[in-house]
Amino acid sequence: MAQTIKQLREDLFSETNGNKFDKIKNKLIKGFSADSRREVIEIFIEYSKSGRLLHWRNFLLTDIIALVKENETAYSIFFQWTITKPELTYWGIDGLLKTQGEEAYETLSNLVLNKTLEVETRAKAMKSIAVHSKQPFDRNLPKDPGYWKIENLRIEELIHWQNQGYNQGNSYKAPNIHPNLKNPKTELEKAVYKLNDLLEKERKNNQDLSNPSNWLAIADESKIIEIEKKWNLPENYLLFLKNFSPINVFIDDDEKFFQGLSLYGADDLIKNQNGYSFNPVTGENLQEWPSNYIVIADAGADPYCIDIGNITNNDAPVYSSFHGAGEWEFEEYSKSFIDFLKDITE
């Protein structure tokens, strides 16, 4: 027999086990949020104020925010209250923005400027303001403001923005992509096309253009010149770096790659040799590393290397090894870089 919303509310408030609480909460959302959305919201709000599981008072805010509609001002009073409670402020910020919109800018700016608050909370306020206002306060910073440091807070820019009347910005432009990414002709481009199709799904689900991820973009020419001075790369791989350079590309497939695969781009190819062929502390090349192996990707620090000493038909094989085993023991992973790209998307 199906439980009523009243019965589930009683179960929610009496439950002391976190896992069981989560199941009850989800039953309320799935079973009643469509027809009784406001009643479900009020139950969650009541729990956030007085529920016995303290950590769930905080976690419920994300569900409340998801259920509340844009500019639904009836709930702004609740979110104004949450930002006065240290244990609720972090997530209450997004709720206040969703219900008040631009009217919340002054309140949230004051949170950023409040030196008595934790850096994480101040950073969250600045990040949320940046996303909503399309102002670049979050440029080149981690997507998660929990990783920001106090020096990352662009206080002077925020104050200037306040003085200008909280005007809307222009947001960020997407990375510049090569036209052949959408119109592949060569075997390399066809392999890249499939990779981009995989990455495009990730971008749709989770993308923050202040720090773009999972893009294949035209590389900065100066980076390519720097790379060409250092190595003689096979043409297929060099064209890949020039025209389809990975930007924070991560292949989330831990069945095939340990902890997923990070694919390097032109911006980070040289520096990511550190710890493999180069010791960044002593500034010395590591003698045990094969000089013809260039690390082009890693899976949980396990390197995937292209062998530039074995270039044939404009390509070269890719080798892999496990780290932390004492000695590097490389095995051929693919016959060519193009095959390596194909393997990623299979």
Protein backbone atom coordinates (compact mmCIF):
# COMPACT_ATOMS: atom_id res chain seq x y z
CA MET A 1 0.00 0.00 0.00
CA ALA A 2 1.41 3.37 -1.06
CA GLN A 3 2.34 5.75 1.74
CA THR A 4 0.74 9.18 1.94
CA ILE A 5 2.72 12.38 2.01
CA LYS A 6 1.75 12.80 5.67
CA GLN A 7 3.09 9.34 6.56
CA LEU A 8 6.35 9.99 4.74
CA ARG A 9 6.74 13.31 6.54
CA GLU A 10 6.36 11.55 9.90
CA ASP A 11 8.89 8.90 8.84
CA LEU A 12 11.32 11.60 7.73
CA PHE A 13 11.24 13.42 11.06
CA SER A 14 11.50 10.26 13.15
CA GLU A 15 14.27 8.55 11.15
CA THR A 16 17.76 8.47 12.70
CA ASN A 17 19.54 6.44 10.02
CA GLY A 18 20.99 8.58 7.24
CA ASN A 19 20.60 5.98 4.47
CA LYS A 20 16.96 5.32 5.34
CA PHE A 21 16.37 9.07 5.57
CA ASP A 22 17.70 9.46 2.03
CA LYS A 23 15.28 6.82 0.72
CA ILE A 24 12.30 8.49 2.43
CA LYS A 25 13.35 11.86 1.06
CA ASN A 26 13.56 10.44 -2.46
CA LYS A 27 10.11 8.85 -2.12
CA LEU A 28 8.68 12.27 -1.30
CA ILE A 29 10.35 13.82 -4.35
CA LYS A 30 9.49 11.06 -6.82
CA GLY A 31 6.00 10.40 -5.52
CA PHE A 32 4.69 13.86 -4.72
CA SER A 33 6.82 16.68 -6.16
CA ALA A 34 4.87 16.70 -9.43
CA ASP A 35 1.42 17.25 -7.89
CA SER A 36 2.29 18.49 -4.39
CA ARG A 37 5.56 20.35 -5.02
CA ARG A 38 4.96 23.13 -2.52
CA GLU A 39 3.97 20.73 0.23
CA VAL A 40 7.16 18.73 -0.31
CA ILE A 41 9.20 21.95 -0.25
CA GLU A 42 7.58 23.01 3.04
CA ILE A 43 8.39 19.63 4.58
CA PHE A 44 12.03 19.97 3.58
CA ILE A 45 12.17 23.57 4.80
CA GLU A 46 10.74 22.53 8.14
CA TYR A 47 13.34 19.78 8.44
CA SER A 48 16.17 22.15 7.52
CA LYS A 49 15.11 24.30 10.47
CA SER A 50 14.48 21.67 13.11
CA GLY A 51 15.29 18.14 11.90
CA ARG A 52 17.27 15.82 14.14
CA LEU A 53 19.91 14.75 11.54
CA LEU A 54 22.02 17.91 11.44
CA HIS A 55 23.97 17.07 8.30
CA TRP A 56 20.73 16.44 6.42
CA ARG A 57 19.51 19.93 7.29
CA ASN A 58 22.29 21.13 5.00
CA PHE A 59 22.00 18.45 2.31
CA LEU A 60 18.26 19.06 1.89
CA LEU A 61 18.96 22.56 0.60
CA THR A 62 20.06 21.19 -2.77
CA ASP A 63 16.73 19.37 -3.10
CA ILE A 64 14.79 22.46 -2.06
CA ILE A 65 16.67 24.57 -4.61
CA ALA A 66 15.95 21.99 -7.33
CA LEU A 67 12.22 22.03 -6.52
CA VAL A 68 11.90 25.81 -6.24
CA LYS A 69 11.28 27.70 -9.49
CA GLU A 70 13.26 30.67 -10.79
CA ASN A 71 12.25 33.95 -9.10
CA GLU A 72 9.77 32.15 -6.82
CA THR A 73 10.02 34.89 -4.23
CA ALA A 74 7.77 33.14 -1.72
CA TYR A 75 10.82 31.16 -0.63
CA SER A 76 13.35 33.99 -0.56
CA ILE A 77 12.66 34.62 3.16
CA PHE A 78 13.74 31.06 3.92
CA PHE A 79 16.97 31.44 1.95
CA GLN A 80 17.64 34.81 3.58
CA TRP A 81 17.46 32.93 6.86
CA THR A 82 19.81 30.15 5.67
CA ILE A 83 22.65 32.53 4.87
CA THR A 84 22.58 33.72 8.50
CA LYS A 85 23.27 30.16 9.67
CA PRO A 86 26.93 29.12 9.20
CA GLU A 87 26.00 25.48 8.67
CA LEU A 88 23.54 26.39 5.90
CA THR A 89 25.09 29.44 4.25
CA TYR A 90 27.09 27.63 1.55
CA TRP A 91 24.09 26.12 -0.26
CA GLY A 92 21.67 28.82 0.81
CA ILE A 93 23.57 31.19 -1.50
CA ASP A 94 22.26 29.48 -4.63
CA GLY A 95 18.74 29.38 -3.21
CA LEU A 96 18.77 33.12 -2.60
CA LEU A 97 19.98 33.77 -6.15
CA LYS A 98 17.32 31.49 -7.62
CA THR A 99 14.48 33.14 -5.73
CA GLN A 100 15.67 36.76 -5.78
CA GLY A 101 17.80 36.97 -8.90
CA GLU A 102 19.69 40.25 -9.23
CA GLU A 103 18.10 41.48 -6.00
CA ALA A 104 20.40 39.06 -4.15
CA TYR A 105 23.62 40.61 -5.49
CA GLU A 106 24.06 43.11 -2.67
CA THR A 107 23.50 40.54 0.06
CA LEU A 108 25.85 38.02 -1.53
CA SER A 109 28.51 40.64 -2.27
CA ASN A 110 28.51 41.46 1.43
CA LEU A 111 29.16 37.78 2.15
CA VAL A 112 32.24 37.92 -0.09
CA LEU A 113 33.48 41.00 1.74
CA ASN A 114 32.81 39.54 5.21
CA LYS A 115 36.25 38.60 6.55
CA THR A 116 34.75 36.70 9.48
CA LEU A 117 33.38 34.00 7.18
CA GLU A 118 35.27 30.94 6.00
CA VAL A 119 37.12 31.40 2.69
CA GLU A 120 35.07 28.55 1.22
CA THR A 121 31.82 30.40 1.92
CA ARG A 122 33.10 33.71 0.56
CA ALA A 123 34.39 31.94 -2.54
CA LYS A 124 31.05 30.18 -3.05
CA ALA A 125 29.27 33.53 -2.93
CA MET A 126 31.66 35.03 -5.50
CA LYS A 127 31.43 31.99 -7.79
CA SER A 128 27.62 32.00 -7.70
CA ILE A 129 27.52 35.75 -8.36
CA ALA A 130 29.90 35.29 -11.31
CA VAL A 131 27.78 32.54 -12.88
CA HIS A 132 24.51 34.43 -12.43
CA SER A 133 25.78 37.88 -13.44
CA LYS A 134 28.11 36.61 -16.20
CA GLN A 135 30.93 38.65 -14.68
CA PRO A 136 34.42 37.03 -14.90
CA PHE A 137 35.19 36.97 -11.17
CA ASP A 138 35.84 33.21 -11.51
CA ARG A 139 38.09 33.23 -14.57
CA ASN A 140 40.85 30.63 -14.66
CA LEU A 141 39.86 29.33 -11.23
CA PRO A 142 38.70 25.81 -10.26
CA LYS A 143 35.05 25.14 -10.97
CA ASP A 144 34.60 24.12 -7.33
CA PRO A 145 35.09 27.24 -5.14
CA GLY A 146 36.01 24.94 -2.29
CA TYR A 147 39.48 24.84 -3.88
CA TRP A 148 39.87 28.63 -4.05
CA LYS A 149 42.33 30.46 -1.83
CA ILE A 150 41.87 33.86 -0.21
CA GLU A 151 44.07 35.49 -2.85
CA ASN A 152 41.71 34.18 -5.55
CA LEU A 153 38.92 36.46 -4.36
CA ARG A 154 38.88 39.42 -6.74
CA ILE A 155 37.69 41.89 -4.11
CA GLU A 156 38.63 45.09 -5.97
CA GLU A 157 36.77 43.94 -9.08
CA LEU A 158 33.73 43.05 -6.98
CA ILE A 159 33.69 46.47 -5.29
CA HIS A 160 34.05 48.20 -8.67
CA TRP A 161 31.13 46.13 -9.97
CA GLN A 162 29.08 47.17 -6.94
CA ASN A 163 29.84 50.83 -7.56
CA GLN A 164 28.80 50.44 -11.20
CA GLY A 165 25.37 49.16 -10.16
CA TYR A 166 25.72 45.38 -10.51
CA ASN A 167 25.61 45.36 -14.31
CA GLN A 168 25.38 42.10 -16.25
CA GLY A 169 28.51 40.85 -18.02
CA ASN A 170 29.10 39.12 -21.33
CA SER A 171 29.93 35.69 -19.95
CA TYR A 172 32.66 33.53 -21.53
CA LYS A 173 33.18 32.46 -25.10
CA ALA A 174 33.53 28.79 -25.94
CA PRO A 175 37.01 27.67 -27.06
CA ASN A 176 37.85 28.17 -30.74
CA ILE A 177 37.33 24.87 -32.56
CA HIS A 178 38.64 23.77 -35.96
CA PRO A 179 35.96 23.51 -38.72
CA ASN A 180 37.04 19.96 -39.56
CA LEU A 181 35.95 18.88 -36.09
CA LYS A 182 32.40 18.91 -37.46
CA ASN A 183 33.32 17.96 -41.03
CA PRO A 184 36.00 15.22 -40.82
CA LYS A 185 37.82 14.11 -43.93
CA THR A 186 41.00 12.26 -42.93
CA GLU A 187 41.32 9.14 -40.79
CA LEU A 188 42.70 11.27 -37.95
CA GLU A 189 39.81 13.71 -38.16
CA LYS A 190 37.26 10.90 -38.18
CA ALA A 191 38.77 9.47 -35.00
CA VAL A 192 38.77 12.93 -33.42
CA TYR A 193 35.16 13.43 -34.50
CA LYS A 194 34.09 10.36 -32.50
CA LEU A 195 36.10 11.54 -29.51
CA ASN A 196 34.47 14.97 -29.68
CA ASP A 197 31.03 13.34 -29.84
CA LEU A 198 31.83 11.59 -26.57
CA LEU A 199 33.11 14.81 -24.98
CA GLU A 200 30.16 16.83 -26.22
CA LYS A 201 27.82 14.72 -24.10
CA GLU A 202 29.96 15.49 -21.05
CA ARG A 203 29.95 19.21 -21.88
CA LYS A 204 26.18 19.28 -22.07
CA ASN A 205 25.89 17.66 -18.65
CA ASN A 206 28.53 19.70 -16.87
CA GLN A 207 30.28 22.75 -18.30
CA ASP A 208 31.69 25.92 -16.81
CA LEU A 209 33.30 28.14 -19.44
CA SER A 210 35.25 30.09 -16.82
CA ASN A 211 37.42 26.97 -16.74
CA PRO A 212 36.35 24.90 -19.76
CA SER A 213 36.69 21.13 -19.75
CA ASN A 214 36.39 18.34 -22.30
CA TRP A 215 37.04 20.53 -25.35
CA LEU A 216 39.17 19.91 -28.43
CA ALA A 217 40.31 23.33 -29.61
CA ILE A 218 42.79 25.09 -31.86
CA ALA A 219 46.03 25.43 -29.91
CA ASP A 220 47.94 28.60 -29.16
CA GLU A 221 50.60 28.89 -31.87
CA SER A 222 53.31 29.78 -29.35
CA LYS A 223 52.70 26.51 -27.51
CA ILE A 224 53.06 24.52 -30.72
CA ILE A 225 56.34 26.30 -31.55
CA GLU A 226 57.64 25.47 -28.07
CA ILE A 227 56.69 21.81 -28.53
CA GLU A 228 58.26 21.60 -32.02
CA LYS A 229 61.53 22.99 -30.67
CA LYS A 230 61.62 20.28 -28.05
CA TRP A 231 60.54 17.18 -30.00
CA ASN A 232 60.15 15.82 -33.51
CA LEU A 233 56.61 14.49 -33.24
CA PRO A 234 54.78 12.29 -35.76
CA GLU A 235 52.62 14.37 -38.08
CA ASN A 236 49.31 12.85 -36.97
CA TYR A 237 49.94 13.66 -33.33
CA LEU A 238 51.27 17.15 -34.12
CA LEU A 239 48.16 17.90 -36.23
CA PHE A 240 46.04 16.67 -33.34
CA LEU A 241 47.75 19.09 -30.97
CA LYS A 242 47.51 21.98 -33.43
CA ASN A 243 43.88 21.60 -34.49
CA PHE A 244 42.21 19.55 -31.76
CA SER A 245 44.22 20.25 -28.65
CA PRO A 246 42.55 18.80 -25.52
CA ILE A 247 41.47 21.27 -22.85
CA ASN A 248 41.01 19.52 -19.50
CA VAL A 249 39.88 16.36 -21.27
CA PHE A 250 39.03 13.50 -18.93
CA ILE A 251 37.66 10.18 -20.15
CA ASP A 252 35.57 8.79 -17.29
CA ASP A 253 36.00 5.10 -18.01
CA ASP A 254 37.62 3.34 -15.07
CA GLU A 255 36.90 -0.10 -16.56
CA LYS A 256 39.31 0.61 -19.40
CA PHE A 257 41.57 3.17 -17.70
CA PHE A 258 42.53 3.17 -14.03
CA GLN A 259 40.71 6.13 -12.44
CA GLY A 260 39.82 7.44 -15.91
CA LEU A 261 42.11 8.95 -18.54
CA SER A 262 43.49 12.50 -18.67
CA LEU A 263 44.42 13.40 -22.27
CA TYR A 264 47.04 16.15 -22.56
CA GLY A 265 46.82 19.20 -24.80
CA ALA A 266 49.39 21.64 -26.16
CA ASP A 267 49.13 23.84 -23.05
CA ASP A 268 50.17 21.10 -20.65
CA LEU A 269 52.13 18.54 -22.68
CA ILE A 270 55.60 19.77 -21.69
CA LYS A 271 54.89 20.38 -18.01
CA ASN A 272 53.18 16.99 -17.67
CA GLN A 273 56.46 15.23 -18.45
CA ASN A 274 57.44 16.18 -14.90
CA GLY A 275 57.84 13.13 -12.72
CA TYR A 276 58.26 10.85 -15.73
CA SER A 277 61.21 11.97 -17.86
CA PHE A 278 62.06 15.08 -15.85
CA ASN A 279 62.61 15.87 -12.18
CA PRO A 280 61.09 19.34 -11.55
CA VAL A 281 62.86 19.64 -8.18
CA THR A 282 66.43 19.01 -9.34
CA GLY A 283 65.88 20.15 -12.94
CA GLU A 284 67.45 16.93 -14.23
CA ASN A 285 66.35 14.44 -16.86
CA LEU A 286 65.62 11.04 -15.36
CA GLN A 287 68.03 8.51 -16.80
CA GLU A 288 65.73 5.51 -16.34
CA TRP A 289 63.11 7.05 -18.64
CA PRO A 290 63.33 6.21 -22.38
CA SER A 291 64.18 9.50 -24.09
CA ASN A 292 61.99 8.70 -27.09
CA TYR A 293 58.82 8.27 -24.98
CA ILE A 294 56.57 11.34 -24.65
CA VAL A 295 53.72 11.04 -22.15
CA ILE A 296 50.52 12.10 -23.91
CA ALA A 297 48.01 10.94 -21.29
CA ASP A 298 47.77 9.28 -17.91
CA ALA A 299 45.32 7.12 -16.04
CA GLY A 300 45.76 7.69 -12.32
CA ALA A 301 49.45 8.57 -13.03
CA ASP A 302 49.94 5.44 -15.19
CA PRO A 303 51.56 6.94 -18.32
CA TYR A 304 50.55 6.49 -21.96
CA CYS A 305 53.46 7.44 -24.21
CA ILE A 306 53.97 7.98 -27.91
CA ASP A 307 57.26 6.56 -29.20
CA ILE A 308 58.85 9.30 -31.31
CA GLY A 309 61.76 7.00 -32.06
CA ASN A 310 59.51 4.72 -34.08
CA ILE A 311 57.68 7.03 -36.52
CA THR A 312 56.23 5.40 -39.63
CA ASN A 313 53.52 6.64 -42.00
CA ASN A 314 53.23 9.91 -40.05
CA ASP A 315 52.30 8.08 -36.86
CA ALA A 316 53.85 6.15 -33.98
CA PRO A 317 52.85 3.44 -31.48
CA VAL A 318 51.62 4.20 -27.98
CA TYR A 319 53.01 2.39 -24.93
CA SER A 320 51.75 2.22 -21.36
CA SER A 321 53.13 1.24 -17.98
CA PHE A 322 52.17 1.12 -14.31
CA HIS A 323 53.68 3.66 -11.95
CA GLY A 324 55.04 2.85 -8.50
CA ALA A 325 56.40 -0.58 -9.45
CA GLY A 326 60.06 0.39 -8.99
CA GLU A 327 61.00 0.06 -12.66
CA TRP A 328 59.10 1.08 -15.76
CA GLU A 329 57.86 -1.92 -17.73
CA PHE A 330 56.28 -0.69 -20.94
CA GLU A 331 53.87 -2.62 -23.12
CA GLU A 332 52.51 -1.63 -26.51
CA TYR A 333 48.99 -0.30 -26.05
CA SER A 334 48.19 0.58 -29.68
CA LYS A 335 49.92 0.41 -33.04
CA SER A 336 49.42 4.12 -33.67
CA PHE A 337 48.13 7.33 -32.14
CA ILE A 338 45.04 7.11 -34.34
CA ASP A 339 44.34 3.63 -32.97
CA PHE A 340 44.78 5.05 -29.47
CA LEU A 341 42.07 7.65 -30.19
CA LYS A 342 39.79 4.99 -31.61
CA ASP A 343 40.27 2.84 -28.51
CA ILE A 344 39.21 5.72 -26.26
CA THR A 345 35.83 5.99 -27.96
CA GLU A 346 35.02 2.30 -28.27
